[in-house]
């Protein structure tokens, strides 16, 4: 089970922010677009070796990514267009952040590609389950909320211990984890969907 499944139970945390957003006229798509740009800024920051702003922008991305859906539900304006936009932006965010990390020298490029493969297969199988009629499936070990939390933790650890462990920064080790556990999660999702198909 991933942290994505716990989002509905965290309403009490961001309800005041949702109410404020509605009051001042911020729409769900505004948060989605904002999450795109802060992810881009995170990737750029990591590319230039700036871990502090990179980690901060990931925090912003996580917050905006939660707020778009929360505001849409509160305003009762969920739509297929909004959902589609959110998924497209999330994938670009994954590209920006992970590419920024390995292009910035925190991990060799093969590890970065391995991480992107794991992350993209997890996301693909989650939505492909819906495409074949099983319904969107977020099960497995590593979902997007888990990845964002781990990125924040790895960023903070890299700030405190820049040398990392065995010559690889914590952000680099996290990409290894994304590759390994991401592909394992993809396999878990594949098995679940396969068994659900008649």
C-alpha atoms as a PDB file:
ATOM      1  CA  UNK A   1       0.000   0.000   0.000  1.00  0.00           C
ATOM      2  CA  UNK A   2       1.306   3.451  -0.889  1.00  0.00           C
ATOM      3  CA  UNK A   3       0.857   6.879   0.652  1.00  0.00           C
ATOM      4  CA  UNK A   4      -1.475   7.767  -2.230  1.00  0.00           C
ATOM      5  CA  UNK A   5      -4.137   5.692  -0.489  1.00  0.00           C
ATOM      6  CA  UNK A   6      -3.890   7.864   2.627  1.00  0.00           C
ATOM      7  CA  UNK A   7      -4.576  11.183   0.912  1.00  0.00           C
ATOM      8  CA  UNK A   8      -8.314  11.141   1.721  1.00  0.00           C
ATOM      9  CA  UNK A   9      -7.448  10.770   5.429  1.00  0.00           C
ATOM     10  CA  UNK A  10      -5.324  13.921   5.436  1.00  0.00           C
ATOM     11  CA  UNK A  11      -8.129  16.341   4.596  1.00  0.00           C
ATOM     12  CA  UNK A  12      -7.891  17.979   8.021  1.00  0.00           C
ATOM     13  CA  UNK A  13      -4.342  19.132   7.264  1.00  0.00           C
ATOM     14  CA  UNK A  14      -5.014  21.056   4.082  1.00  0.00           C
ATOM     15  CA  UNK A  15      -8.718  21.937   4.563  1.00  0.00           C
ATOM     16  CA  UNK A  16      -7.868  25.488   5.765  1.00  0.00           C
ATOM     17  CA  UNK A  17      -5.680  26.012   2.689  1.00  0.00           C
ATOM     18  CA  UNK A  18      -8.422  24.632   0.440  1.00  0.00           C
ATOM     19  CA  UNK A  19     -10.971  27.010   1.954  1.00  0.00           C
ATOM     20  CA  UNK A  20      -8.602  29.953   1.532  1.00  0.00           C
ATOM     21  CA  UNK A  21      -7.868  29.003  -2.074  1.00  0.00           C
ATOM     22  CA  UNK A  22     -11.561  28.864  -2.915  1.00  0.00           C
ATOM     23  CA  UNK A  23     -12.171  32.188  -1.188  1.00  0.00           C
ATOM     24  CA  UNK A  24      -9.494  34.013  -3.189  1.00  0.00           C
ATOM     25  CA  UNK A  25     -10.412  32.315  -6.471  1.00  0.00           C
ATOM     26  CA  UNK A  26      -7.538  29.883  -7.043  1.00  0.00           C
ATOM     27  CA  UNK A  27      -8.749  27.049  -9.270  1.00  0.00           C
ATOM     28  CA  UNK A  28      -7.482  23.424  -9.275  1.00  0.00           C
ATOM     29  CA  UNK A  29      -5.755  23.870 -12.648  1.00  0.00           C
ATOM     30  CA  UNK A  30      -3.797  26.802 -11.197  1.00  0.00           C
ATOM     31  CA  UNK A  31      -2.249  24.431  -8.657  1.00  0.00           C
ATOM     32  CA  UNK A  32      -1.564  21.848 -11.373  1.00  0.00           C
ATOM     33  CA  UNK A  33       0.265  24.386 -13.544  1.00  0.00           C
ATOM     34  CA  UNK A  34       2.142  25.698 -10.508  1.00  0.00           C
ATOM     35  CA  UNK A  35       3.266  22.134  -9.701  1.00  0.00           C
ATOM     36  CA  UNK A  36       4.658  21.886 -13.253  1.00  0.00           C
ATOM     37  CA  UNK A  37       6.820  24.974 -12.829  1.00  0.00           C
ATOM     38  CA  UNK A  38       8.117  24.196  -9.338  1.00  0.00           C
ATOM     39  CA  UNK A  39       9.114  20.713 -10.565  1.00  0.00           C
ATOM     40  CA  UNK A  40      10.944  22.377 -13.454  1.00  0.00           C
ATOM     41  CA  UNK A  41      12.685  24.711 -11.003  1.00  0.00           C
ATOM     42  CA  UNK A  42      13.616  21.706  -8.831  1.00  0.00           C
ATOM     43  CA  UNK A  43      15.203  19.946 -11.798  1.00  0.00           C
ATOM     44  CA  UNK A  44      17.139  23.066 -12.775  1.00  0.00           C
ATOM     45  CA  UNK A  45      18.317  23.556  -9.190  1.00  0.00           C
ATOM     46  CA  UNK A  46      19.573  19.959  -8.951  1.00  0.00           C
ATOM     47  CA  UNK A  47      21.256  20.270 -12.339  1.00  0.00           C
ATOM     48  CA  UNK A  48      23.299  23.167 -10.950  1.00  0.00           C
ATOM     49  CA  UNK A  49      24.019  21.230  -7.740  1.00  0.00           C
ATOM     50  CA  UNK A  50      21.750  23.409  -5.593  1.00  0.00           C
ATOM     51  CA  UNK A  51      20.160  20.874  -3.247  1.00  0.00           C
ATOM     52  CA  UNK A  52      18.487  23.333  -0.848  1.00  0.00           C
ATOM     53  CA  UNK A  53      16.289  25.097  -3.435  1.00  0.00           C
ATOM     54  CA  UNK A  54      15.802  21.799  -5.273  1.00  0.00           C
ATOM     55  CA  UNK A  55      14.410  20.164  -2.141  1.00  0.00           C
ATOM     56  CA  UNK A  56      12.279  23.208  -1.370  1.00  0.00           C
ATOM     57  CA  UNK A  57      10.731  23.127  -4.833  1.00  0.00           C
ATOM     58  CA  UNK A  58       9.955  19.420  -4.407  1.00  0.00           C
ATOM     59  CA  UNK A  59       8.101  20.312  -1.203  1.00  0.00           C
ATOM     60  CA  UNK A  60       6.144  22.899  -3.180  1.00  0.00           C
ATOM     61  CA  UNK A  61       5.409  20.333  -5.887  1.00  0.00           C
ATOM     62  CA  UNK A  62       4.078  17.887  -3.297  1.00  0.00           C
ATOM     63  CA  UNK A  63       1.849  20.569  -1.766  1.00  0.00           C
ATOM     64  CA  UNK A  64       0.465  21.793  -5.088  1.00  0.00           C
ATOM     65  CA  UNK A  65      -0.045  18.223  -6.300  1.00  0.00           C
ATOM     66  CA  UNK A  66      -2.266  17.546  -3.286  1.00  0.00           C
ATOM     67  CA  UNK A  67      -4.092  20.850  -3.473  1.00  0.00           C
ATOM     68  CA  UNK A  68      -5.350  20.590  -7.051  1.00  0.00           C
ATOM     69  CA  UNK A  69      -7.406  17.483  -6.338  1.00  0.00           C
ATOM     70  CA  UNK A  70      -8.497  18.706  -2.921  1.00  0.00           C
ATOM     71  CA  UNK A  71      -9.789  22.010  -4.306  1.00  0.00           C
ATOM     72  CA  UNK A  72     -11.520  20.245  -7.210  1.00  0.00           C
ATOM     73  CA  UNK A  73     -13.331  17.923  -4.803  1.00  0.00           C
ATOM     74  CA  UNK A  74     -14.261  20.755  -2.462  1.00  0.00           C
ATOM     75  CA  UNK A  75     -15.700  22.770  -5.368  1.00  0.00           C
ATOM     76  CA  UNK A  76     -17.255  19.627  -6.869  1.00  0.00           C
ATOM     77  CA  UNK A  77     -15.698  20.382 -10.250  1.00  0.00           C
ATOM     78  CA  UNK A  78     -13.688  17.217 -10.880  1.00  0.00           C
ATOM     79  CA  UNK A  79     -13.350  16.700 -14.610  1.00  0.00           C
ATOM     80  CA  UNK A  80     -11.659  14.410 -17.097  1.00  0.00           C
ATOM     81  CA  UNK A  81      -9.738  17.390 -18.443  1.00  0.00           C
ATOM     82  CA  UNK A  82      -8.397  18.229 -14.997  1.00  0.00           C
ATOM     83  CA  UNK A  83      -7.471  14.603 -14.351  1.00  0.00           C
ATOM     84  CA  UNK A  84      -5.747  14.361 -17.728  1.00  0.00           C
ATOM     85  CA  UNK A  85      -3.812  17.584 -17.140  1.00  0.00           C
ATOM     86  CA  UNK A  86      -2.761  16.399 -13.676  1.00  0.00           C
ATOM     87  CA  UNK A  87      -1.351  13.123 -15.007  1.00  0.00           C
ATOM     88  CA  UNK A  88       0.540  14.814 -17.831  1.00  0.00           C
ATOM     89  CA  UNK A  89       2.051  17.361 -15.439  1.00  0.00           C
ATOM     90  CA  UNK A  90       2.979  14.633 -12.946  1.00  0.00           C
ATOM     91  CA  UNK A  91       4.941  12.765 -15.601  1.00  0.00           C
ATOM     92  CA  UNK A  92       6.782  15.899 -16.658  1.00  0.00           C
ATOM     93  CA  UNK A  93       7.512  16.584 -12.990  1.00  0.00           C
ATOM     94  CA  UNK A  94       9.042  13.118 -12.664  1.00  0.00           C
ATOM     95  CA  UNK A  95      11.193  13.788 -15.741  1.00  0.00           C
ATOM     96  CA  UNK A  96      12.343  17.214 -14.563  1.00  0.00           C
ATOM     97  CA  UNK A  97      13.251  16.127 -11.038  1.00  0.00           C
ATOM     98  CA  UNK A  98      14.925  12.786 -11.768  1.00  0.00           C
ATOM     99  CA  UNK A  99      16.783  14.085 -14.815  1.00  0.00           C
ATOM    100  CA  UNK A 100      17.946  17.107 -12.841  1.00  0.00           C
ATOM    101  CA  UNK A 101      19.341  14.832 -10.144  1.00  0.00           C
ATOM    102  CA  UNK A 102      21.435  12.590 -12.386  1.00  0.00           C
ATOM    103  CA  UNK A 103      22.338  15.333 -14.872  1.00  0.00           C
ATOM    104  CA  UNK A 104      23.559  17.351 -11.896  1.00  0.00           C
ATOM    105  CA  UNK A 105      26.041  14.620 -11.009  1.00  0.00           C
ATOM    106  CA  UNK A 106      24.274  13.075  -8.026  1.00  0.00           C
ATOM    107  CA  UNK A 107      24.173   9.720  -9.828  1.00  0.00           C
ATOM    108  CA  UNK A 108      25.572   8.209 -13.052  1.00  0.00           C
ATOM    109  CA  UNK A 109      23.220   8.457 -16.036  1.00  0.00           C
ATOM    110  CA  UNK A 110      22.503   4.674 -16.211  1.00  0.00           C
ATOM    111  CA  UNK A 111      21.104   4.861 -12.674  1.00  0.00           C
ATOM    112  CA  UNK A 112      19.018   7.852 -13.709  1.00  0.00           C
ATOM    113  CA  UNK A 113      17.567   5.993 -16.707  1.00  0.00           C
ATOM    114  CA  UNK A 114      16.903   2.966 -14.481  1.00  0.00           C
ATOM    115  CA  UNK A 115      15.035   5.222 -12.043  1.00  0.00           C
ATOM    116  CA  UNK A 116      12.973   6.831 -14.813  1.00  0.00           C
ATOM    117  CA  UNK A 117      12.047   3.375 -16.126  1.00  0.00           C
ATOM    118  CA  UNK A 118      10.799   2.254 -12.712  1.00  0.00           C
ATOM    119  CA  UNK A 119       8.852   5.460 -12.104  1.00  0.00           C
ATOM    120  CA  UNK A 120       7.253   5.515 -15.544  1.00  0.00           C
ATOM    121  CA  UNK A 121       6.229   1.859 -15.486  1.00  0.00           C
ATOM    122  CA  UNK A 122       4.568   2.317 -12.097  1.00  0.00           C
ATOM    123  CA  UNK A 123       2.571   5.264 -13.410  1.00  0.00           C
ATOM    124  CA  UNK A 124       1.769   3.577 -16.705  1.00  0.00           C
ATOM    125  CA  UNK A 125       0.415   0.403 -15.120  1.00  0.00           C
ATOM    126  CA  UNK A 126      -1.661   2.425 -12.640  1.00  0.00           C
ATOM    127  CA  UNK A 127      -3.559   4.165 -15.434  1.00  0.00           C
ATOM    128  CA  UNK A 128      -3.465   1.267 -17.903  1.00  0.00           C
ATOM    129  CA  UNK A 129      -5.457  -0.726 -15.353  1.00  0.00           C
ATOM    130  CA  UNK A 130      -8.228   1.808 -15.847  1.00  0.00           C
ATOM    131  CA  UNK A 131      -7.877   1.663 -19.628  1.00  0.00           C
ATOM    132  CA  UNK A 132      -8.560  -2.099 -19.674  1.00  0.00           C
ATOM    133  CA  UNK A 133     -11.568  -1.783 -17.367  1.00  0.00           C
ATOM    134  CA  UNK A 134     -10.105  -2.808 -14.016  1.00  0.00           C
ATOM    135  CA  UNK A 135     -10.165   0.736 -12.629  1.00  0.00           C
ATOM    136  CA  UNK A 136      -7.265   2.954 -11.698  1.00  0.00           C
ATOM    137  CA  UNK A 137      -4.985   1.021  -9.390  1.00  0.00           C
ATOM    138  CA  UNK A 138      -2.490   2.585  -6.989  1.00  0.00           C
ATOM    139  CA  UNK A 139      -1.389  -0.549  -5.160  1.00  0.00           C
ATOM    140  CA  UNK A 140       2.136  -1.771  -4.697  1.00  0.00           C
ATOM    141  CA  UNK A 141       5.094  -0.422  -2.781  1.00  0.00           C
ATOM    142  CA  UNK A 142       6.026   2.856  -4.461  1.00  0.00           C
ATOM    143  CA  UNK A 143       3.444   5.441  -5.528  1.00  0.00           C
ATOM    144  CA  UNK A 144       3.922   9.113  -6.410  1.00  0.00           C
ATOM    145  CA  UNK A 145       3.286  10.387  -2.887  1.00  0.00           C
ATOM    146  CA  UNK A 146       5.906   7.921  -1.612  1.00  0.00           C
ATOM    147  CA  UNK A 147       8.399   9.159  -4.191  1.00  0.00           C
ATOM    148  CA  UNK A 148       7.881  12.804  -3.261  1.00  0.00           C
ATOM    149  CA  UNK A 149       8.320  12.081   0.446  1.00  0.00           C
ATOM    150  CA  UNK A 150      11.479  10.059  -0.222  1.00  0.00           C
ATOM    151  CA  UNK A 151      12.846  12.815  -2.472  1.00  0.00           C
ATOM    152  CA  UNK A 152      12.361  15.361   0.299  1.00  0.00           C
ATOM    153  CA  UNK A 153      14.056  13.082   2.845  1.00  0.00           C
ATOM    154  CA  UNK A 154      16.947  12.287   0.477  1.00  0.00           C
ATOM    155  CA  UNK A 155      17.334  15.986  -0.311  1.00  0.00           C
ATOM    156  CA  UNK A 156      17.538  16.863   3.371  1.00  0.00           C
ATOM    157  CA  UNK A 157      20.050  14.063   3.995  1.00  0.00           C
ATOM    158  CA  UNK A 158      22.155  15.267   1.066  1.00  0.00           C
ATOM    159  CA  UNK A 159      22.157  18.765   2.533  1.00  0.00           C
ATOM    160  CA  UNK A 160      23.360  17.486   5.914  1.00  0.00           C
ATOM    161  CA  UNK A 161      25.674  14.747   4.589  1.00  0.00           C
ATOM    162  CA  UNK A 162      26.773  15.866   1.098  1.00  0.00           C
ATOM    163  CA  UNK A 163      29.392  13.124   0.778  1.00  0.00           C
ATOM    164  CA  UNK A 164      26.705  10.444   0.943  1.00  0.00           C
ATOM    165  CA  UNK A 165      27.503   6.765   1.453  1.00  0.00           C
ATOM    166  CA  UNK A 166      30.087   4.729  -0.486  1.00  0.00           C
ATOM    167  CA  UNK A 167      30.754   7.641  -2.812  1.00  0.00           C
ATOM    168  CA  UNK A 168      27.140   8.178  -3.865  1.00  0.00           C
ATOM    169  CA  UNK A 169      24.970  11.008  -2.449  1.00  0.00           C
ATOM    170  CA  UNK A 170      21.670  10.094  -0.838  1.00  0.00           C
ATOM    171  CA  UNK A 171      19.826  11.512  -3.840  1.00  0.00           C
ATOM    172  CA  UNK A 172      21.794   9.092  -6.012  1.00  0.00           C
ATOM    173  CA  UNK A 173      20.958   6.149  -3.783  1.00  0.00           C
ATOM    174  CA  UNK A 174      17.318   7.176  -3.957  1.00  0.00           C
ATOM    175  CA  UNK A 175      17.399   6.846  -7.734  1.00  0.00           C
ATOM    176  CA  UNK A 176      18.701   3.303  -7.276  1.00  0.00           C
ATOM    177  CA  UNK A 177      15.730   2.642  -4.984  1.00  0.00           C
ATOM    178  CA  UNK A 178      13.349   4.190  -7.516  1.00  0.00           C
ATOM    179  CA  UNK A 179      14.690   1.835 -10.163  1.00  0.00           C
ATOM    180  CA  UNK A 180      14.558  -1.302  -8.023  1.00  0.00           C
ATOM    181  CA  UNK A 181      11.361  -0.749  -6.077  1.00  0.00           C
ATOM    182  CA  UNK A 182       9.673   1.082  -8.944  1.00  0.00           C
ATOM    183  CA  UNK A 183      10.036  -1.916 -11.226  1.00  0.00           C
ATOM    184  CA  UNK A 184       8.983  -4.246  -8.390  1.00  0.00           C
ATOM    185  CA  UNK A 185       5.864  -2.126  -7.860  1.00  0.00           C
ATOM    186  CA  UNK A 186       5.189  -2.256 -11.595  1.00  0.00           C
ATOM    187  CA  UNK A 187       5.368  -6.054 -11.446  1.00  0.00           C
ATOM    188  CA  UNK A 188       2.976  -6.076  -8.473  1.00  0.00           C
ATOM    189  CA  UNK A 189       0.510  -3.902 -10.355  1.00  0.00           C
ATOM    190  CA  UNK A 190       0.841  -6.018 -13.484  1.00  0.00           C
ATOM    191  CA  UNK A 191       0.069  -9.211 -11.538  1.00  0.00           C
ATOM    192  CA  UNK A 192      -2.948  -7.626  -9.844  1.00  0.00           C
ATOM    193  CA  UNK A 193      -4.424  -6.318 -13.099  1.00  0.00           C
ATOM    194  CA  UNK A 194      -3.649  -9.535 -14.958  1.00  0.00           C
ATOM    195  CA  UNK A 195      -5.500 -11.574 -12.332  1.00  0.00           C
ATOM    196  CA  UNK A 196      -8.467  -9.188 -12.456  1.00  0.00           C
ATOM    197  CA  UNK A 197      -8.873  -9.549 -16.206  1.00  0.00           C
ATOM    198  CA  UNK A 198     -11.259 -12.263 -17.312  1.00  0.00           C
END
